[in-house]
Amino acid sequence: MKVGVYYRNADVRVEDRPMPVAGPGDVVLKVRACGICGSDVMEWYRIKRAPLVLGHELAGEVVSVGADVEGFKPGDRVFATHHVPCDACRYCLTGHPTACKVFQEKNNFDPGGFSEFLKVGGRSVATGMWKLPDTMSWDTATFIEPLATAVRAMRTLAIAPGESVMVYGAGIAGILLVKMAKAMGAGTVISADLNEFRLAAAKRAGADLTVNAKENVPAFLEKSCGRLADKVVIAAGALPAARAALESVDRGGAVLFFAVPQPGETLAVDFNPYWRNDIAFKTCYGAAPLDNFQATELLRTGTVRVDEMITHRFPLSAIGDAFRTAIDPKDALKVIVEPH
């Protein structure tokens, strides 16, 4: 079968691999669509493990199941996720499933979503895979996992109806965060980014206000909203975004690090004013099965609509072009690879 092998952002090659075979507890999928995630093109994060087959935002059709697998059969249209928690460790049992070592260290995809066929194994079969609604397209289903990370982020921030939400970064994650904030009843939602194409997309997605991040964003908030934001989400892994975000949160508010700077980059913080003004710092990583299930329901019911976010589709044979397109933000938002 054909797979897309990542060596670096500018070098993703089509190569041949053996067709996966389902073991007793495995399911083999025909990959119908797989989105390119922002983390897929985060070169510092990926290149240390290259070469590898990436792709985790996927939807596919079951072609074979192992003897011990129940509930799935050939022809089923399914969503699957590569990381799932153990549901038994201290972190899972205390409400922190994405801090689980099994979640963070075990990848249940072989080889990855940028391939014609994919074997799903381990706990991903039992707790990380389910049938898609009949009305959901393959492309829409690729948004389940990325939307789930936004679901988890908004739950972590505990958005209250009417609160203002400031989102730094208007890539796919930032726009999904805007959509989730609106779905949860936020009042004014503001999006900041350096790219005008993405700011326009954030506006279409429901952002009440947009601002170029080159401006003094805290001053913009004071002028436009009368005060700083109740909740601030950092969805861009750049130090300037993090610095500006810390200056954009109002008293009694919270800042969520959805994205973080590169390893080794540090952010100097004088905690005194945050301590005095009752401002919380939070983090959010990944999506647990509950988040993925809730994201599926949000998409199924149309509470969150995503189809307009798709800007490019590529066959697997052009995966190099797909990655080069995803890296350039001037006219690309969601890039989907369709292996068949």
Protein backbone atom coordinates (compact mmCIF):
# COMPACT_ATOMS: atom_id res chain seq x y z
CA MET A 1 0.00 0.00 0.00
CA LYS A 2 1.00 3.66 -0.36
CA VAL A 3 1.89 5.80 2.65
CA GLY A 4 3.07 9.37 3.15
CA VAL A 5 6.35 9.38 5.09
CA TYR A 6 7.36 12.53 6.95
CA TYR A 7 11.08 13.43 6.94
CA ARG A 8 10.58 17.15 7.54
CA ASN A 9 7.97 19.72 6.60
CA ALA A 10 9.37 20.24 3.12
CA ASP A 11 10.04 16.54 2.53
CA VAL A 12 7.03 14.22 2.82
CA ARG A 13 7.37 11.28 0.44
CA VAL A 14 5.04 8.64 -0.96
CA GLU A 15 6.46 5.20 -0.21
CA ASP A 16 5.34 1.57 -0.22
CA ARG A 17 4.58 -0.38 2.95
CA PRO A 18 3.10 -3.84 3.52
CA MET A 19 -0.68 -3.97 3.92
CA PRO A 20 -1.54 -4.18 7.65
CA VAL A 21 -3.09 -7.39 8.93
CA ALA A 22 -5.53 -7.42 11.82
CA GLY A 23 -4.45 -9.37 14.90
CA PRO A 24 -7.04 -10.82 17.32
CA GLY A 25 -7.90 -7.44 18.87
CA ASP A 26 -7.27 -5.17 15.88
CA VAL A 27 -9.33 -3.44 13.21
CA VAL A 28 -7.99 -2.52 9.76
CA LEU A 29 -9.46 0.60 8.17
CA LYS A 30 -9.50 1.94 4.65
CA VAL A 31 -8.61 5.58 5.33
CA ARG A 32 -11.15 7.79 3.61
CA ALA A 33 -9.96 11.19 4.85
CA CYS A 34 -7.31 12.53 7.21
CA GLY A 35 -6.71 16.14 8.17
CA ILE A 36 -3.31 17.76 8.59
CA CYS A 37 -3.06 18.93 12.19
CA GLY A 38 -1.12 21.99 13.30
CA SER A 39 1.07 19.63 15.32
CA ASP A 40 1.88 17.65 12.16
CA VAL A 41 3.71 20.69 10.74
CA MET A 42 5.31 21.65 14.07
CA GLU A 43 8.73 20.65 12.78
CA TRP A 44 10.65 20.90 16.09
CA TYR A 45 8.09 18.49 17.55
CA ARG A 46 8.03 15.97 14.72
CA ILE A 47 11.50 15.88 13.20
CA LYS A 48 13.13 14.22 16.21
CA ARG A 49 11.14 11.04 15.43
CA ALA A 50 11.35 11.20 11.64
CA PRO A 51 10.94 9.37 9.37
CA LEU A 52 7.40 8.43 10.34
CA VAL A 53 3.87 8.24 9.01
CA LEU A 54 1.75 10.94 10.61
CA GLY A 55 -2.00 11.49 10.54
CA HIS A 56 -4.43 11.23 13.45
CA GLU A 57 -7.48 13.30 12.37
CA LEU A 58 -9.10 10.54 10.40
CA ALA A 59 -12.21 8.73 9.35
CA GLY A 60 -12.32 5.40 7.61
CA GLU A 61 -14.16 2.28 6.58
CA VAL A 62 -13.65 -1.06 8.33
CA VAL A 63 -12.18 -3.68 5.98
CA SER A 64 -11.30 -6.44 8.47
CA VAL A 65 -11.61 -7.18 12.18
CA GLY A 66 -9.73 -9.52 14.51
CA ALA A 67 -11.33 -12.59 16.04
CA ASP A 68 -11.70 -10.94 19.47
CA VAL A 69 -13.26 -7.69 18.22
CA GLU A 70 -16.93 -7.12 18.91
CA GLY A 71 -19.23 -4.38 17.64
CA PHE A 72 -17.52 -3.70 14.30
CA LYS A 73 -17.77 -5.35 10.90
CA PRO A 74 -16.47 -4.71 7.39
CA GLY A 75 -18.22 -1.75 5.79
CA ASP A 76 -18.74 0.21 9.03
CA ARG A 77 -17.93 3.91 8.77
CA VAL A 78 -15.90 4.86 11.85
CA PHE A 79 -13.91 7.45 13.72
CA ALA A 80 -10.78 6.33 15.56
CA THR A 81 -8.26 8.08 17.78
CA HIS A 82 -4.65 7.07 18.30
CA HIS A 83 -4.23 7.94 21.99
CA VAL A 84 -6.55 6.74 24.75
CA PRO A 85 -6.01 6.64 28.53
CA CYS A 86 -5.77 3.48 30.62
CA ASP A 87 -8.76 4.46 32.82
CA ALA A 88 -7.07 2.83 35.80
CA CYS A 89 -4.12 4.96 36.91
CA ARG A 90 -4.17 7.71 39.51
CA TYR A 91 -4.36 10.43 36.83
CA CYS A 92 -7.30 8.85 35.02
CA LEU A 93 -9.16 8.25 38.27
CA THR A 94 -8.68 11.85 39.43
CA GLY A 95 -9.95 13.44 36.22
CA HIS A 96 -6.70 13.96 34.31
CA PRO A 97 -6.83 11.29 31.58
CA THR A 98 -4.58 13.14 29.14
CA ALA A 99 -1.83 13.13 31.81
CA CYS A 100 -1.99 9.32 31.81
CA LYS A 101 1.30 7.73 30.73
CA VAL A 102 -0.54 5.23 28.52
CA PHE A 103 -2.30 8.14 26.79
CA GLN A 104 0.94 10.02 26.21
CA GLU A 105 3.23 7.15 25.30
CA LYS A 106 1.11 4.55 23.47
CA ASN A 107 0.20 5.12 19.81
CA ASN A 108 -2.40 2.61 18.68
CA PHE A 109 -2.19 3.43 14.96
CA ASP A 110 -0.03 1.43 12.53
CA PRO A 111 1.32 3.17 10.60
CA GLY A 112 -0.65 6.47 10.62
CA GLY A 113 -3.58 8.21 8.97
CA PHE A 114 -1.63 9.36 5.91
CA SER A 115 -1.83 5.90 4.39
CA GLU A 116 -4.22 3.91 2.26
CA PHE A 117 -4.93 1.46 5.07
CA LEU A 118 -4.45 1.65 8.83
CA LYS A 119 -4.44 -0.87 11.67
CA VAL A 120 -6.07 0.29 14.90
CA GLY A 121 -5.16 -1.71 17.97
CA GLY A 122 -4.97 -1.71 21.74
CA ARG A 123 -7.49 0.23 23.81
CA SER A 124 -8.26 2.46 20.83
CA VAL A 125 -10.55 -0.25 19.50
CA ALA A 126 -12.61 -0.51 22.69
CA THR A 127 -12.66 3.10 23.89
CA GLY A 128 -11.39 5.25 21.02
CA MET A 129 -13.39 4.10 18.02
CA TRP A 130 -17.09 4.32 17.16
CA LYS A 131 -19.43 4.34 14.21
CA LEU A 132 -20.06 7.61 12.47
CA PRO A 133 -23.57 9.02 12.09
CA ASP A 134 -24.97 8.16 8.68
CA THR A 135 -25.37 11.86 7.88
CA MET A 136 -21.75 12.78 8.64
CA SER A 137 -19.35 13.09 5.71
CA TRP A 138 -15.81 11.74 5.77
CA ASP A 139 -14.41 15.28 5.69
CA THR A 140 -16.57 16.47 8.58
CA ALA A 141 -15.50 13.44 10.61
CA THR A 142 -11.85 14.51 10.36
CA PHE A 143 -12.79 17.41 12.65
CA ILE A 144 -13.87 15.18 15.53
CA GLU A 145 -10.44 14.96 17.14
CA PRO A 146 -9.40 18.62 16.68
CA LEU A 147 -12.81 19.83 17.83
CA ALA A 148 -12.48 17.54 20.86
CA THR A 149 -9.34 19.38 21.92
CA ALA A 150 -11.35 22.61 21.85
CA VAL A 151 -14.14 20.93 23.83
CA ARG A 152 -11.61 19.97 26.49
CA ALA A 153 -10.13 23.46 26.50
CA MET A 154 -13.46 25.17 27.03
CA ARG A 155 -14.37 22.72 29.79
CA THR A 156 -11.03 23.43 31.47
CA LEU A 157 -11.66 27.17 31.28
CA ALA A 158 -15.23 26.76 32.57
CA ILE A 159 -16.67 29.43 30.28
CA ALA A 160 -19.73 31.06 31.84
CA PRO A 161 -22.53 32.56 29.72
CA GLY A 162 -21.81 36.16 28.87
CA GLU A 163 -18.09 36.06 29.60
CA SER A 164 -15.69 37.60 27.10
CA VAL A 165 -13.15 35.25 25.52
CA MET A 166 -9.92 36.32 23.80
CA VAL A 167 -8.30 33.74 21.49
CA TYR A 168 -4.73 34.30 20.35
CA GLY A 169 -4.18 32.45 17.07
CA ALA A 170 -6.67 31.92 14.23
CA GLY A 171 -5.48 28.67 12.76
CA ILE A 172 -7.71 25.60 12.84
CA ALA A 173 -7.45 25.27 16.62
CA GLY A 174 -8.07 28.96 17.22
CA ILE A 175 -11.16 29.00 15.02
CA LEU A 176 -12.55 25.84 16.64
CA LEU A 177 -12.00 27.51 20.01
CA VAL A 178 -13.96 30.52 18.79
CA LYS A 179 -16.79 28.23 17.69
CA MET A 180 -16.79 26.38 21.01
CA ALA A 181 -16.77 29.61 23.03
CA LYS A 182 -19.84 30.79 21.12
CA ALA A 183 -21.52 27.39 21.51
CA MET A 184 -21.02 27.62 25.28
CA GLY A 185 -22.73 30.99 25.48
CA ALA A 186 -19.74 33.30 25.70
CA GLY A 187 -20.50 36.98 25.25
CA THR A 188 -17.93 38.84 23.18
CA VAL A 189 -15.38 36.56 21.49
CA ILE A 190 -12.24 38.20 20.12
CA SER A 191 -9.69 36.63 17.76
CA ALA A 192 -6.11 37.85 17.25
CA ASP A 193 -3.69 36.71 14.56
CA LEU A 194 -1.00 38.13 12.28
CA ASN A 195 -2.68 36.81 9.13
CA GLU A 196 -5.63 38.70 7.67
CA PHE A 197 -6.91 35.65 5.77
CA ARG A 198 -7.24 33.75 9.02
CA LEU A 199 -8.77 36.72 10.83
CA ALA A 200 -11.45 36.86 8.16
CA ALA A 201 -12.07 33.13 8.68
CA ALA A 202 -12.36 33.70 12.44
CA LYS A 203 -14.91 36.43 11.78
CA ARG A 204 -16.97 34.07 9.61
CA ALA A 205 -16.69 31.44 12.34
CA GLY A 206 -18.41 33.72 14.84
CA ALA A 207 -15.76 35.98 16.35
CA ASP A 208 -17.43 39.25 17.34
CA LEU A 209 -14.17 41.19 17.01
CA THR A 210 -10.86 40.52 15.28
CA VAL A 211 -7.55 42.30 15.71
CA ASN A 212 -4.17 41.99 14.05
CA ALA A 213 -1.70 40.75 16.66
CA LYS A 214 0.79 43.39 15.52
CA GLU A 215 -1.40 45.93 17.29
CA ASN A 216 -1.52 46.61 21.02
CA VAL A 217 -4.19 43.99 21.72
CA PRO A 218 -4.77 44.86 25.41
CA ALA A 219 -5.36 48.49 24.38
CA PHE A 220 -7.74 47.27 21.65
CA LEU A 221 -9.70 45.32 24.25
CA GLU A 222 -9.92 48.31 26.59
CA LYS A 223 -11.16 50.52 23.76
CA SER A 224 -13.56 48.02 22.15
CA CYS A 225 -14.90 46.17 25.21
CA GLY A 226 -14.30 48.64 28.02
CA ARG A 227 -12.00 46.22 29.84
CA LEU A 228 -9.73 43.23 29.36
CA ALA A 229 -11.04 39.70 28.64
CA ASP A 230 -12.51 37.34 31.23
CA LYS A 231 -10.88 34.30 29.65
CA VAL A 232 -7.82 34.22 27.38
CA VAL A 233 -6.73 31.23 25.29
CA ILE A 234 -3.26 30.95 23.76
CA ALA A 235 -3.64 28.92 20.56
CA ALA A 236 -0.38 30.02 18.93
CA GLY A 237 2.97 28.61 20.02
CA ALA A 238 4.86 31.89 19.78
CA LEU A 239 6.38 33.80 22.69
CA PRO A 240 4.93 37.17 21.59
CA ALA A 241 1.42 35.65 21.64
CA ALA A 242 1.97 34.30 25.15
CA ARG A 243 3.29 37.63 26.38
CA ALA A 244 0.38 39.57 24.90
CA ALA A 245 -2.11 37.04 26.27
CA LEU A 246 -0.85 37.56 29.83
CA GLU A 247 -1.51 41.27 29.42
CA SER A 248 -5.02 40.71 28.05
CA VAL A 249 -6.75 39.02 30.99
CA ASP A 250 -9.03 40.93 33.34
CA ARG A 251 -9.14 40.67 37.12
CA GLY A 252 -10.71 37.43 38.27
CA GLY A 253 -10.08 35.87 34.86
CA ALA A 254 -8.03 32.95 33.58
CA VAL A 255 -5.40 32.26 30.93
CA LEU A 256 -5.30 28.86 29.22
CA PHE A 257 -2.15 27.59 27.50
CA PHE A 258 -3.69 25.53 24.70
CA ALA A 259 -0.46 25.94 22.71
CA VAL A 260 2.97 26.50 24.22
CA PRO A 261 6.31 27.91 23.00
CA GLN A 262 9.08 25.59 21.87
CA PRO A 263 11.09 23.62 24.46
CA GLY A 264 13.78 25.79 25.93
CA GLU A 265 11.89 29.02 25.31
CA THR A 266 10.94 30.64 28.59
CA LEU A 267 8.36 33.24 29.50
CA ALA A 268 9.32 35.65 32.26
CA VAL A 269 6.33 36.32 34.50
CA ASP A 270 5.97 38.63 37.46
CA PHE A 271 3.30 36.69 39.34
CA ASN A 272 2.58 39.44 41.84
CA PRO A 273 -0.22 41.19 39.89
CA TYR A 274 -1.82 37.86 38.92
CA TRP A 275 -1.78 36.76 42.57
CA ARG A 276 -3.26 40.06 43.69
CA ASN A 277 -5.93 40.12 40.98
CA ASP A 278 -7.08 36.51 41.40
CA ILE A 279 -6.05 35.42 37.90
CA ALA A 280 -5.68 31.70 37.17
CA PHE A 281 -3.28 29.93 34.83
CA LYS A 282 -4.45 26.71 33.20
CA THR A 283 -3.16 24.20 30.65
CA CYS A 284 -4.86 21.77 28.30
CA TYR A 285 -3.38 18.87 26.32
CA GLY A 286 -5.04 16.53 23.88
CA ALA A 287 -8.53 15.05 23.98
CA ALA A 288 -9.89 12.12 25.98
CA PRO A 289 -12.61 9.75 24.72
CA LEU A 290 -15.36 11.82 26.38
CA ASP A 291 -14.15 14.92 24.53
CA ASN A 292 -14.18 13.04 21.21
CA PHE A 293 -17.67 11.71 21.87
CA GLN A 294 -18.99 15.18 22.71
CA ALA A 295 -17.30 16.62 19.61
CA THR A 296 -19.03 13.97 17.51
CA GLU A 297 -22.39 15.05 18.92
CA LEU A 298 -21.67 18.74 18.35
CA LEU A 299 -20.92 17.97 14.70
CA ARG A 300 -23.84 15.57 14.29
CA THR A 301 -26.37 18.08 15.58
CA GLY A 302 -24.90 21.00 13.65
CA THR A 303 -24.22 22.90 16.87
CA VAL A 304 -20.70 23.38 15.51
CA ARG A 305 -20.33 23.58 11.72
CA VAL A 306 -16.94 23.05 10.13
CA ASP A 307 -17.28 22.37 6.41
CA GLU A 308 -16.56 25.99 5.49
CA MET A 309 -13.15 25.65 7.16
CA ILE A 310 -11.90 23.19 4.53
CA THR A 311 -9.79 25.07 1.99
CA HIS A 312 -7.82 22.29 0.28
CA ARG A 313 -8.10 18.57 -0.50
CA PHE A 314 -5.23 16.46 -1.85
CA PRO A 315 -4.81 12.83 -2.90
CA LEU A 316 -2.18 10.83 -1.05
CA SER A 317 0.00 10.98 -4.16
CA ALA A 318 0.33 14.74 -3.60
CA ILE A 319 0.93 14.67 0.15
CA GLY A 320 4.12 16.71 -0.22
CA ASP A 321 2.08 19.49 -1.79
CA ALA A 322 -0.52 19.09 0.95
CA PHE A 323 2.08 19.70 3.67
CA ARG A 324 3.60 22.64 1.83
CA THR A 325 0.13 24.15 1.53
CA ALA A 326 -0.66 23.59 5.21
CA ILE A 327 2.56 25.32 6.24
CA ASP A 328 1.71 28.51 4.32
CA PRO A 329 -1.12 30.36 6.07
CA LYS A 330 -1.80 32.93 3.36
CA ASP A 331 -4.75 31.05 1.84
CA ALA A 332 -4.95 27.71 3.66
CA LEU A 333 -6.97 26.71 6.67
CA LYS A 334 -7.98 23.05 6.82
CA VAL A 335 -6.05 20.74 4.47
CA ILE A 336 -7.40 17.22 4.05
CA VAL A 337 -5.68 14.22 2.48
CA GLU A 338 -7.98 11.70 0.78
CA PRO A 339 -6.00 8.48 0.14
CA HIS A 340 -8.64 6.89 -2.09
